Amino acid sequence: MNSLSNISCEAVLPVTELKSTDEIERSIQKKYRKYLWSPFIKAAKEFSLVEDGDRIAVAISGGKDSLLLAKLLQELQRASRTEFELVFISMNPGFNSENLENLKKNLDHLRIPCEIYDDNIFEIAEKMAKDYPCYMCAKMRRGSLYTKAVSLGCNKLALGHHMDDVAETVLMSMFQMSKYETMLPRLKADNFDIELIRPLYYVEEKDIIKFTANNGILAMNCGCTVAAGKTSSKRRETKELIRELAKSNPNIKKNILNSTKNVNLEKILGWKIGGKKYGYLDKY
């Protein structure tokens, strides 16, 4: 595990030998259909994430989430009548040689034809924000992926954020920033002519972990060479809080996510649309 202040990067390790690519692909439709394929399809349909004529760049970080995302989209391309293209891209922000070789090995074994391109973001982020590099790094990584995807003629960029990320973001926005918002399953980029989509929106992390570990996949657990020992993880703290709450309420993550669909403006003190603030007393 890599130290992140007093919080640790949670490692996901295989519990069996690496299974064949065919077995891994079959498990998506068979053993994990209810937990991975069905919620993936639900999000794709509900939010119109994949449409005819799309050219989708799929961002591969090397972690469990993005590797599963790639396989799900490949399965959808094979099974769907919707005509769309997939372009797999992986940015190397400064991975060590071990992580980079493991990424290449996984891409080859999983039959993901991915372009790995270099962009020395780890080093740049550390120089620009030595004490707290994570925000700067995330912003730069997103910009790099947008730029690459647009250069390849893609109209959408798919990222591997899952239900846990969504629920954690809701609580973090409340606890850390005094506002109520979450990750959206689909949104237009501010400074690029491209849309961001999150097809794993309804997939739970625990099921991704089971899929990865039980298929013998050694995904990248933490590729960062900069932030270790420098930045406490508020997201990790929030993840632990939700984990504790789930012991008495197993549906806590789904409830948090669904709360973002059921906002009662009659019982909200204030809200913001298009940068303009409104309050309940405006029409009292």
C-alpha atoms as a PDB file:
ATOM      1  CA  MET A   1       0.000   0.000   0.000  1.00  0.00           C
ATOM      2  CA  ASN A   2       1.120   3.554  -0.738  1.00  0.00           C
ATOM      3  CA  SER A   3       0.896   6.030   2.119  1.00  0.00           C
ATOM      4  CA  LEU A   4      -1.332   9.044   1.578  1.00  0.00           C
ATOM      5  CA  SER A   5      -0.765  10.993   4.791  1.00  0.00           C
ATOM      6  CA  ASN A   6      -2.570   8.903   7.420  1.00  0.00           C
ATOM      7  CA  ILE A   7      -4.744   7.208   4.803  1.00  0.00           C
ATOM      8  CA  SER A   8      -3.729   4.240   2.647  1.00  0.00           C
ATOM      9  CA  CYS A   9      -4.358   3.439  -0.986  1.00  0.00           C
ATOM     10  CA  GLU A  10      -6.573   0.348  -0.858  1.00  0.00           C
ATOM     11  CA  ALA A  11      -4.975  -2.432  -2.884  1.00  0.00           C
ATOM     12  CA  VAL A  12      -7.079  -4.834  -4.962  1.00  0.00           C
ATOM     13  CA  LEU A  13      -5.161  -8.073  -5.446  1.00  0.00           C
ATOM     14  CA  PRO A  14      -6.058 -11.178  -7.491  1.00  0.00           C
ATOM     15  CA  VAL A  15      -7.376 -14.186  -5.550  1.00  0.00           C
ATOM     16  CA  THR A  16      -6.780 -16.619  -8.415  1.00  0.00           C
ATOM     17  CA  GLU A  17      -4.553 -17.079 -11.448  1.00  0.00           C
ATOM     18  CA  LEU A  18      -5.198 -14.835 -14.420  1.00  0.00           C
ATOM     19  CA  LYS A  19      -8.045 -16.299 -16.439  1.00  0.00           C
ATOM     20  CA  SER A  20      -8.166 -16.410 -20.219  1.00  0.00           C
ATOM     21  CA  THR A  21      -9.574 -13.429 -22.082  1.00  0.00           C
ATOM     22  CA  ASP A  22     -12.521 -15.493 -23.280  1.00  0.00           C
ATOM     23  CA  GLU A  23     -13.371 -16.509 -19.700  1.00  0.00           C
ATOM     24  CA  ILE A  24     -13.122 -12.901 -18.506  1.00  0.00           C
ATOM     25  CA  GLU A  25     -15.399 -11.686 -21.282  1.00  0.00           C
ATOM     26  CA  ARG A  26     -17.943 -14.460 -20.640  1.00  0.00           C
ATOM     27  CA  SER A  27     -18.047 -13.605 -16.946  1.00  0.00           C
ATOM     28  CA  ILE A  28     -19.350 -10.125 -17.774  1.00  0.00           C
ATOM     29  CA  GLN A  29     -22.431 -11.601 -19.436  1.00  0.00           C
ATOM     30  CA  LYS A  30     -22.799 -14.622 -17.130  1.00  0.00           C
ATOM     31  CA  LYS A  31     -21.514 -14.483 -13.544  1.00  0.00           C
ATOM     32  CA  TYR A  32     -21.520 -10.682 -13.239  1.00  0.00           C
ATOM     33  CA  ARG A  33     -24.403  -9.858 -15.550  1.00  0.00           C
ATOM     34  CA  LYS A  34     -26.654  -8.626 -12.704  1.00  0.00           C
ATOM     35  CA  TYR A  35     -23.901  -6.590 -11.056  1.00  0.00           C
ATOM     36  CA  LEU A  36     -21.957  -5.165 -13.997  1.00  0.00           C
ATOM     37  CA  TRP A  37     -23.673  -5.562 -17.354  1.00  0.00           C
ATOM     38  CA  SER A  38     -27.246  -4.717 -16.257  1.00  0.00           C
ATOM     39  CA  PRO A  39     -26.427  -1.476 -14.374  1.00  0.00           C
ATOM     40  CA  PHE A  40     -24.074  -0.488 -17.220  1.00  0.00           C
ATOM     41  CA  ILE A  41     -26.862  -0.920 -19.763  1.00  0.00           C
ATOM     42  CA  LYS A  42     -29.324   0.890 -17.482  1.00  0.00           C
ATOM     43  CA  ALA A  43     -27.104   3.985 -17.355  1.00  0.00           C
ATOM     44  CA  ALA A  44     -26.361   3.849 -21.083  1.00  0.00           C
ATOM     45  CA  LYS A  45     -30.076   3.798 -21.921  1.00  0.00           C
ATOM     46  CA  GLU A  46     -31.316   6.202 -19.242  1.00  0.00           C
ATOM     47  CA  PHE A  47     -28.807   8.919 -20.085  1.00  0.00           C
ATOM     48  CA  SER A  48     -28.333   8.168 -23.829  1.00  0.00           C
ATOM     49  CA  LEU A  49     -24.605   7.745 -23.290  1.00  0.00           C
ATOM     50  CA  VAL A  50     -23.918   5.818 -26.502  1.00  0.00           C
ATOM     51  CA  GLU A  51     -25.605   6.909 -29.719  1.00  0.00           C
ATOM     52  CA  ASP A  52     -25.416   6.187 -33.431  1.00  0.00           C
ATOM     53  CA  GLY A  53     -22.403   7.824 -35.028  1.00  0.00           C
ATOM     54  CA  ASP A  54     -20.490   8.326 -31.773  1.00  0.00           C
ATOM     55  CA  ARG A  55     -16.717   8.073 -31.764  1.00  0.00           C
ATOM     56  CA  ILE A  56     -15.911   7.483 -28.117  1.00  0.00           C
ATOM     57  CA  ALA A  57     -12.482   7.867 -26.568  1.00  0.00           C
ATOM     58  CA  VAL A  58     -12.181   5.496 -23.611  1.00  0.00           C
ATOM     59  CA  ALA A  59      -9.668   6.698 -21.028  1.00  0.00           C
ATOM     60  CA  ILE A  60      -7.621   3.838 -19.558  1.00  0.00           C
ATOM     61  CA  SER A  61      -5.784   4.708 -16.345  1.00  0.00           C
ATOM     62  CA  GLY A  62      -4.685   1.126 -15.728  1.00  0.00           C
ATOM     63  CA  GLY A  63      -6.902   0.717 -12.686  1.00  0.00           C
ATOM     64  CA  LYS A  64      -9.735  -1.767 -12.210  1.00  0.00           C
ATOM     65  CA  ASP A  65     -12.496   0.697 -13.125  1.00  0.00           C
ATOM     66  CA  SER A  66     -11.183   1.788 -16.514  1.00  0.00           C
ATOM     67  CA  LEU A  67     -10.211  -1.760 -17.539  1.00  0.00           C
ATOM     68  CA  LEU A  68     -13.761  -2.936 -16.817  1.00  0.00           C
ATOM     69  CA  LEU A  69     -15.187   0.094 -18.624  1.00  0.00           C
ATOM     70  CA  ALA A  70     -13.212  -0.832 -21.721  1.00  0.00           C
ATOM     71  CA  LYS A  71     -14.471  -4.423 -21.682  1.00  0.00           C
ATOM     72  CA  LEU A  72     -18.098  -3.373 -21.123  1.00  0.00           C
ATOM     73  CA  LEU A  73     -17.976  -0.972 -24.059  1.00  0.00           C
ATOM     74  CA  GLN A  74     -16.382  -3.632 -26.251  1.00  0.00           C
ATOM     75  CA  GLU A  75     -19.182  -6.044 -25.282  1.00  0.00           C
ATOM     76  CA  LEU A  76     -21.778  -3.375 -26.046  1.00  0.00           C
ATOM     77  CA  GLN A  77     -20.223  -2.722 -29.448  1.00  0.00           C
ATOM     78  CA  ARG A  78     -20.487  -6.437 -30.251  1.00  0.00           C
ATOM     79  CA  ALA A  79     -24.036  -6.852 -28.963  1.00  0.00           C
ATOM     80  CA  SER A  80     -25.706  -3.550 -29.855  1.00  0.00           C
ATOM     81  CA  ARG A  81     -27.405  -2.435 -33.054  1.00  0.00           C
ATOM     82  CA  THR A  82     -26.139   1.068 -32.333  1.00  0.00           C
ATOM     83  CA  GLU A  83     -23.266   1.927 -34.653  1.00  0.00           C
ATOM     84  CA  PHE A  84     -20.400   3.599 -32.793  1.00  0.00           C
ATOM     85  CA  GLU A  85     -16.605   3.587 -32.705  1.00  0.00           C
ATOM     86  CA  LEU A  86     -14.268   3.078 -29.763  1.00  0.00           C
ATOM     87  CA  VAL A  87     -10.813   4.607 -29.431  1.00  0.00           C
ATOM     88  CA  PHE A  88      -8.800   3.545 -26.372  1.00  0.00           C
ATOM     89  CA  ILE A  89      -6.278   6.005 -24.978  1.00  0.00           C
ATOM     90  CA  SER A  90      -4.018   5.854 -21.934  1.00  0.00           C
ATOM     91  CA  MET A  91      -2.009   8.792 -20.730  1.00  0.00           C
ATOM     92  CA  ASN A  92       1.325   8.024 -19.079  1.00  0.00           C
ATOM     93  CA  PRO A  93       1.686  10.925 -16.621  1.00  0.00           C
ATOM     94  CA  GLY A  94       4.949   9.558 -15.266  1.00  0.00           C
ATOM     95  CA  PHE A  95       4.285   5.984 -14.156  1.00  0.00           C
ATOM     96  CA  ASN A  96       7.207   3.981 -12.856  1.00  0.00           C
ATOM     97  CA  SER A  97       8.452   1.198 -15.138  1.00  0.00           C
ATOM     98  CA  GLU A  98       6.715  -1.564 -13.169  1.00  0.00           C
ATOM     99  CA  ASN A  99       3.289   0.048 -13.439  1.00  0.00           C
ATOM    100  CA  LEU A 100       3.792   0.885 -17.105  1.00  0.00           C
ATOM    101  CA  GLU A 101       4.780  -2.692 -17.989  1.00  0.00           C
ATOM    102  CA  ASN A 102       1.833  -4.093 -16.019  1.00  0.00           C
ATOM    103  CA  LEU A 103      -0.518  -1.735 -17.864  1.00  0.00           C
ATOM    104  CA  LYS A 104       0.795  -2.944 -21.227  1.00  0.00           C
ATOM    105  CA  LYS A 105       0.470  -6.558 -20.121  1.00  0.00           C
ATOM    106  CA  ASN A 106      -3.152  -6.091 -19.058  1.00  0.00           C
ATOM    107  CA  LEU A 107      -4.082  -4.263 -22.250  1.00  0.00           C
ATOM    108  CA  ASP A 108      -2.560  -7.043 -24.338  1.00  0.00           C
ATOM    109  CA  HIS A 109      -4.200  -9.854 -22.363  1.00  0.00           C
ATOM    110  CA  LEU A 110      -7.626  -8.193 -22.325  1.00  0.00           C
ATOM    111  CA  ARG A 111      -7.442  -7.434 -26.051  1.00  0.00           C
ATOM    112  CA  ILE A 112      -7.795  -3.686 -25.613  1.00  0.00           C
ATOM    113  CA  PRO A 113      -6.083  -1.929 -28.562  1.00  0.00           C
ATOM    114  CA  CYS A 114      -4.938   1.132 -26.652  1.00  0.00           C
ATOM    115  CA  GLU A 115      -2.589   3.983 -27.518  1.00  0.00           C
ATOM    116  CA  ILE A 116      -0.349   4.966 -24.619  1.00  0.00           C
ATOM    117  CA  TYR A 117       0.954   8.512 -24.916  1.00  0.00           C
ATOM    118  CA  ASP A 118       3.337  10.421 -22.646  1.00  0.00           C
ATOM    119  CA  ASP A 119       2.411  13.607 -20.812  1.00  0.00           C
ATOM    120  CA  ASN A 120       4.675  14.330 -17.856  1.00  0.00           C
ATOM    121  CA  ILE A 121       1.910  15.627 -15.614  1.00  0.00           C
ATOM    122  CA  PHE A 122       3.172  14.170 -12.319  1.00  0.00           C
ATOM    123  CA  GLU A 123       6.348  16.246 -12.482  1.00  0.00           C
ATOM    124  CA  ILE A 124       4.581  19.410 -13.627  1.00  0.00           C
ATOM    125  CA  ALA A 125       1.850  19.145 -10.962  1.00  0.00           C
ATOM    126  CA  GLU A 126       4.437  18.684  -8.229  1.00  0.00           C
ATOM    127  CA  LYS A 127       6.341  21.788  -9.336  1.00  0.00           C
ATOM    128  CA  MET A 128       3.190  23.909  -9.566  1.00  0.00           C
ATOM    129  CA  ALA A 129       1.567  22.744  -6.321  1.00  0.00           C
ATOM    130  CA  LYS A 130       4.152  21.011  -4.163  1.00  0.00           C
ATOM    131  CA  ASP A 131       2.082  20.746  -0.981  1.00  0.00           C
ATOM    132  CA  TYR A 132      -1.265  19.740  -2.517  1.00  0.00           C
ATOM    133  CA  PRO A 133      -0.651  18.454  -6.061  1.00  0.00           C
ATOM    134  CA  CYS A 134      -3.754  16.251  -6.437  1.00  0.00           C
ATOM    135  CA  TYR A 135      -6.222  18.946  -7.598  1.00  0.00           C
ATOM    136  CA  MET A 136      -3.751  20.361 -10.098  1.00  0.00           C
ATOM    137  CA  CYS A 137      -2.856  16.880 -11.335  1.00  0.00           C
ATOM    138  CA  ALA A 138      -6.520  15.883 -11.827  1.00  0.00           C
ATOM    139  CA  LYS A 139      -7.267  19.094 -13.722  1.00  0.00           C
ATOM    140  CA  MET A 140      -4.252  18.653 -15.983  1.00  0.00           C
ATOM    141  CA  ARG A 141      -5.000  14.984 -16.631  1.00  0.00           C
ATOM    142  CA  ARG A 142      -8.558  15.805 -17.679  1.00  0.00           C
ATOM    143  CA  GLY A 143      -7.338  18.545 -20.017  1.00  0.00           C
ATOM    144  CA  SER A 144      -4.767  16.203 -21.543  1.00  0.00           C
ATOM    145  CA  LEU A 145      -7.385  13.507 -22.187  1.00  0.00           C
ATOM    146  CA  TYR A 146      -9.792  16.026 -23.728  1.00  0.00           C
ATOM    147  CA  THR A 147      -7.059  17.337 -26.011  1.00  0.00           C
ATOM    148  CA  LYS A 148      -6.043  13.841 -27.110  1.00  0.00           C
ATOM    149  CA  ALA A 149      -9.626  12.698 -27.669  1.00  0.00           C
ATOM    150  CA  VAL A 150     -10.480  15.753 -29.761  1.00  0.00           C
ATOM    151  CA  SER A 151      -7.312  15.303 -31.832  1.00  0.00           C
ATOM    152  CA  LEU A 152      -8.495  11.777 -32.640  1.00  0.00           C
ATOM    153  CA  GLY A 153     -11.860  13.031 -33.873  1.00  0.00           C
ATOM    154  CA  CYS A 154     -13.868  11.797 -30.895  1.00  0.00           C
ATOM    155  CA  ASN A 155     -17.101  13.464 -29.798  1.00  0.00           C
ATOM    156  CA  LYS A 156     -17.235  11.750 -26.396  1.00  0.00           C
ATOM    157  CA  LEU A 157     -14.755  10.810 -23.666  1.00  0.00           C
ATOM    158  CA  ALA A 158     -15.696   7.904 -21.374  1.00  0.00           C
ATOM    159  CA  LEU A 159     -14.323   7.821 -17.822  1.00  0.00           C
ATOM    160  CA  GLY A 160     -14.534   5.039 -15.244  1.00  0.00           C
ATOM    161  CA  HIS A 161     -16.304   6.798 -12.359  1.00  0.00           C
ATOM    162  CA  HIS A 162     -18.746   4.443 -10.612  1.00  0.00           C
ATOM    163  CA  MET A 163     -21.647   4.691  -8.130  1.00  0.00           C
ATOM    164  CA  ASP A 164     -19.314   4.974  -5.125  1.00  0.00           C
ATOM    165  CA  ASP A 165     -17.592   7.977  -6.719  1.00  0.00           C
ATOM    166  CA  VAL A 166     -20.987   9.600  -7.277  1.00  0.00           C
ATOM    167  CA  ALA A 167     -22.185   9.067  -3.692  1.00  0.00           C
ATOM    168  CA  GLU A 168     -18.864  10.206  -2.235  1.00  0.00           C
ATOM    169  CA  THR A 169     -18.947  13.370  -4.341  1.00  0.00           C
ATOM    170  CA  VAL A 170     -22.390  14.292  -2.987  1.00  0.00           C
ATOM    171  CA  LEU A 171     -21.210  14.027   0.624  1.00  0.00           C
ATOM    172  CA  MET A 172     -17.886  15.739  -0.069  1.00  0.00           C
ATOM    173  CA  SER A 173     -19.639  18.678  -1.708  1.00  0.00           C
ATOM    174  CA  MET A 174     -21.750  19.071   1.444  1.00  0.00           C
ATOM    175  CA  PHE A 175     -19.064  18.447   4.059  1.00  0.00           C
ATOM    176  CA  GLN A 176     -16.115  20.174   2.387  1.00  0.00           C
ATOM    177  CA  MET A 177     -17.628  22.865   0.127  1.00  0.00           C
ATOM    178  CA  SER A 178     -21.009  23.713   1.699  1.00  0.00           C
ATOM    179  CA  LYS A 179     -22.972  22.917  -1.459  1.00  0.00           C
ATOM    180  CA  TYR A 180     -25.078  20.109  -2.866  1.00  0.00           C
ATOM    181  CA  GLU A 181     -23.983  18.662  -6.191  1.00  0.00           C
ATOM    182  CA  THR A 182     -22.686  15.478  -7.727  1.00  0.00           C
ATOM    183  CA  MET A 183     -20.967  13.975 -10.755  1.00  0.00           C
ATOM    184  CA  LEU A 184     -23.211  13.949 -13.797  1.00  0.00           C
ATOM    185  CA  PRO A 185     -23.432  10.888 -16.062  1.00  0.00           C
ATOM    186  CA  ARG A 186     -23.097  13.085 -19.140  1.00  0.00           C
ATOM    187  CA  LEU A 187     -21.936  16.674 -19.574  1.00  0.00           C
ATOM    188  CA  LYS A 188     -20.390  18.963 -22.148  1.00  0.00           C
ATOM    189  CA  ALA A 189     -16.803  20.026 -21.593  1.00  0.00           C
ATOM    190  CA  ASP A 190     -16.317  23.724 -20.856  1.00  0.00           C
ATOM    191  CA  ASN A 191     -13.334  24.442 -23.095  1.00  0.00           C
ATOM    192  CA  PHE A 192     -13.428  21.540 -25.558  1.00  0.00           C
ATOM    193  CA  ASP A 193     -15.873  20.447 -28.259  1.00  0.00           C
ATOM    194  CA  ILE A 194     -16.553  17.096 -26.618  1.00  0.00           C
ATOM    195  CA  GLU A 195     -18.857  15.427 -24.089  1.00  0.00           C
ATOM    196  CA  LEU A 196     -17.805  13.476 -21.011  1.00  0.00           C
ATOM    197  CA  ILE A 197     -19.748  10.288 -20.212  1.00  0.00           C
ATOM    198  CA  ARG A 198     -19.665   7.976 -17.181  1.00  0.00           C
ATOM    199  CA  PRO A 199     -21.113   4.582 -18.210  1.00  0.00           C
ATOM    200  CA  LEU A 200     -20.324   2.960 -14.813  1.00  0.00           C
ATOM    201  CA  TYR A 201     -22.690   5.392 -13.081  1.00  0.00           C
ATOM    202  CA  TYR A 202     -24.846   2.620 -11.569  1.00  0.00           C
ATOM    203  CA  VAL A 203     -22.069   0.055 -11.014  1.00  0.00           C
ATOM    204  CA  GLU A 204     -20.882  -0.434  -7.425  1.00  0.00           C
ATOM    205  CA  GLU A 205     -17.175  -0.562  -6.667  1.00  0.00           C
ATOM    206  CA  LYS A 206     -17.451  -3.761  -4.615  1.00  0.00           C
ATOM    207  CA  ASP A 207     -18.663  -5.599  -7.714  1.00  0.00           C
ATOM    208  CA  ILE A 208     -15.807  -4.218  -9.808  1.00  0.00           C
ATOM    209  CA  ILE A 209     -13.409  -5.477  -7.133  1.00  0.00           C
ATOM    210  CA  LYS A 210     -14.961  -8.958  -7.207  1.00  0.00           C
ATOM    211  CA  PHE A 211     -14.797  -9.098 -11.009  1.00  0.00           C
ATOM    212  CA  THR A 212     -11.170  -7.994 -11.044  1.00  0.00           C
ATOM    213  CA  ALA A 213      -9.913 -10.181  -8.198  1.00  0.00           C
ATOM    214  CA  ASN A 214     -11.852 -13.318  -9.176  1.00  0.00           C
ATOM    215  CA  ASN A 215     -10.603 -13.123 -12.767  1.00  0.00           C
ATOM    216  CA  GLY A 216      -6.997 -12.877 -11.599  1.00  0.00           C
ATOM    217  CA  ILE A 217      -6.449  -9.376 -13.007  1.00  0.00           C
ATOM    218  CA  LEU A 218      -3.652  -7.392 -11.356  1.00  0.00           C
ATOM    219  CA  ALA A 219      -4.865  -3.861 -12.072  1.00  0.00           C
ATOM    220  CA  MET A 220      -2.865  -0.777 -11.158  1.00  0.00           C
ATOM    221  CA  ASN A 221      -3.737   0.115  -7.552  1.00  0.00           C
ATOM    222  CA  CYS A 222      -2.009   3.459  -7.238  1.00  0.00           C
ATOM    223  CA  GLY A 223       0.133   4.843 -10.026  1.00  0.00           C
ATOM    224  CA  CYS A 224       0.864   8.213  -8.441  1.00  0.00           C
ATOM    225  CA  THR A 225       4.540   8.944  -7.788  1.00  0.00           C
ATOM    226  CA  VAL A 226       3.912  12.429  -6.393  1.00  0.00           C
ATOM    227  CA  ALA A 227       1.263  12.636  -3.700  1.00  0.00           C
ATOM    228  CA  ALA A 228       2.334   9.802  -1.419  1.00  0.00           C
ATOM    229  CA  GLY A 229       2.876  11.175   2.069  1.00  0.00           C
ATOM    230  CA  LYS A 230       1.771  14.697   1.138  1.00  0.00           C
ATOM    231  CA  THR A 231      -1.992  14.826   0.875  1.00  0.00           C
ATOM    232  CA  SER A 232      -4.695  13.477   3.164  1.00  0.00           C
ATOM    233  CA  SER A 233      -7.531  11.932   1.221  1.00  0.00           C
ATOM    234  CA  LYS A 234     -10.917  13.445   2.032  1.00  0.00           C
ATOM    235  CA  ARG A 235     -12.419  11.047  -0.482  1.00  0.00           C
ATOM    236  CA  ARG A 236     -10.944   8.098   1.394  1.00  0.00           C
ATOM    237  CA  GLU A 237     -12.414   9.427   4.645  1.00  0.00           C
ATOM    238  CA  THR A 238     -15.801   9.821   2.975  1.00  0.00           C
ATOM    239  CA  LYS A 239     -15.561   6.301   1.542  1.00  0.00           C
ATOM    240  CA  GLU A 240     -14.958   4.943   5.045  1.00  0.00           C
ATOM    241  CA  LEU A 241     -17.932   6.902   6.392  1.00  0.00           C
ATOM    242  CA  ILE A 242     -20.259   5.464   3.741  1.00  0.00           C
ATOM    243  CA  ARG A 243     -18.877   1.990   4.436  1.00  0.00           C
ATOM    244  CA  GLU A 244     -19.800   2.372   8.123  1.00  0.00           C
ATOM    245  CA  LEU A 245     -23.272   3.701   7.298  1.00  0.00           C
ATOM    246  CA  ALA A 246     -23.840   0.780   4.910  1.00  0.00           C
ATOM    247  CA  LYS A 247     -23.573  -1.663   7.810  1.00  0.00           C
ATOM    248  CA  SER A 248     -26.988  -0.534   9.036  1.00  0.00           C
ATOM    249  CA  ASN A 249     -28.315   0.658   5.663  1.00  0.00           C
ATOM    250  CA  PRO A 250     -27.103  -1.469   2.716  1.00  0.00           C
ATOM    251  CA  ASN A 251     -28.835   0.872   0.246  1.00  0.00           C
ATOM    252  CA  ILE A 252     -27.041   4.000   1.464  1.00  0.00           C
ATOM    253  CA  LYS A 253     -25.102   4.612  -1.782  1.00  0.00           C
ATOM    254  CA  LYS A 254     -28.175   4.153  -3.962  1.00  0.00           C
ATOM    255  CA  ASN A 255     -30.168   6.426  -1.658  1.00  0.00           C
ATOM    256  CA  ILE A 256     -27.533   9.163  -1.828  1.00  0.00           C
ATOM    257  CA  LEU A 257     -27.427   8.929  -5.623  1.00  0.00           C
ATOM    258  CA  ASN A 258     -31.233   8.879  -5.933  1.00  0.00           C
ATOM    259  CA  SER A 259     -31.486  11.935  -3.669  1.00  0.00           C
ATOM    260  CA  THR A 260     -29.918  13.942  -6.497  1.00  0.00           C
ATOM    261  CA  LYS A 261     -32.940  13.016  -8.645  1.00  0.00           C
ATOM    262  CA  ASN A 262     -35.481  14.000  -5.997  1.00  0.00           C
ATOM    263  CA  VAL A 263     -34.534  17.532  -4.985  1.00  0.00           C
ATOM    264  CA  ASN A 264     -37.610  19.332  -3.618  1.00  0.00           C
ATOM    265  CA  LEU A 265     -37.006  23.008  -4.377  1.00  0.00           C
ATOM    266  CA  GLU A 266     -39.879  23.930  -2.058  1.00  0.00           C
ATOM    267  CA  LYS A 267     -37.740  22.735   0.843  1.00  0.00           C
ATOM    268  CA  ILE A 268     -34.411  24.175  -0.313  1.00  0.00           C
ATOM    269  CA  LEU A 269     -33.072  27.485   1.030  1.00  0.00           C
ATOM    270  CA  GLY A 270     -31.255  28.407  -2.152  1.00  0.00           C
ATOM    271  CA  TRP A 271     -30.064  27.133  -5.509  1.00  0.00           C
ATOM    272  CA  LYS A 272     -27.971  28.262  -8.465  1.00  0.00           C
ATOM    273  CA  ILE A 273     -28.688  28.094 -12.192  1.00  0.00           C
ATOM    274  CA  GLY A 274     -26.340  29.427 -14.851  1.00  0.00           C
ATOM    275  CA  GLY A 275     -24.205  31.131 -12.243  1.00  0.00           C
ATOM    276  CA  LYS A 276     -27.175  33.072 -10.798  1.00  0.00           C
ATOM    277  CA  LYS A 277     -28.334  32.432  -7.231  1.00  0.00           C
ATOM    278  CA  TYR A 278     -31.966  32.075  -6.168  1.00  0.00           C
ATOM    279  CA  GLY A 279     -33.570  31.707  -2.741  1.00  0.00           C
ATOM    280  CA  TYR A 280     -36.864  30.364  -1.465  1.00  0.00           C
ATOM    281  CA  LEU A 281     -37.866  33.846  -0.260  1.00  0.00           C
ATOM    282  CA  ASP A 282     -37.775  35.151  -3.853  1.00  0.00           C
ATOM    283  CA  LYS A 283     -41.307  33.795  -4.333  1.00  0.00           C
ATOM    284  CA  TYR A 284     -42.373  33.526  -0.714  1.00  0.00           C
END
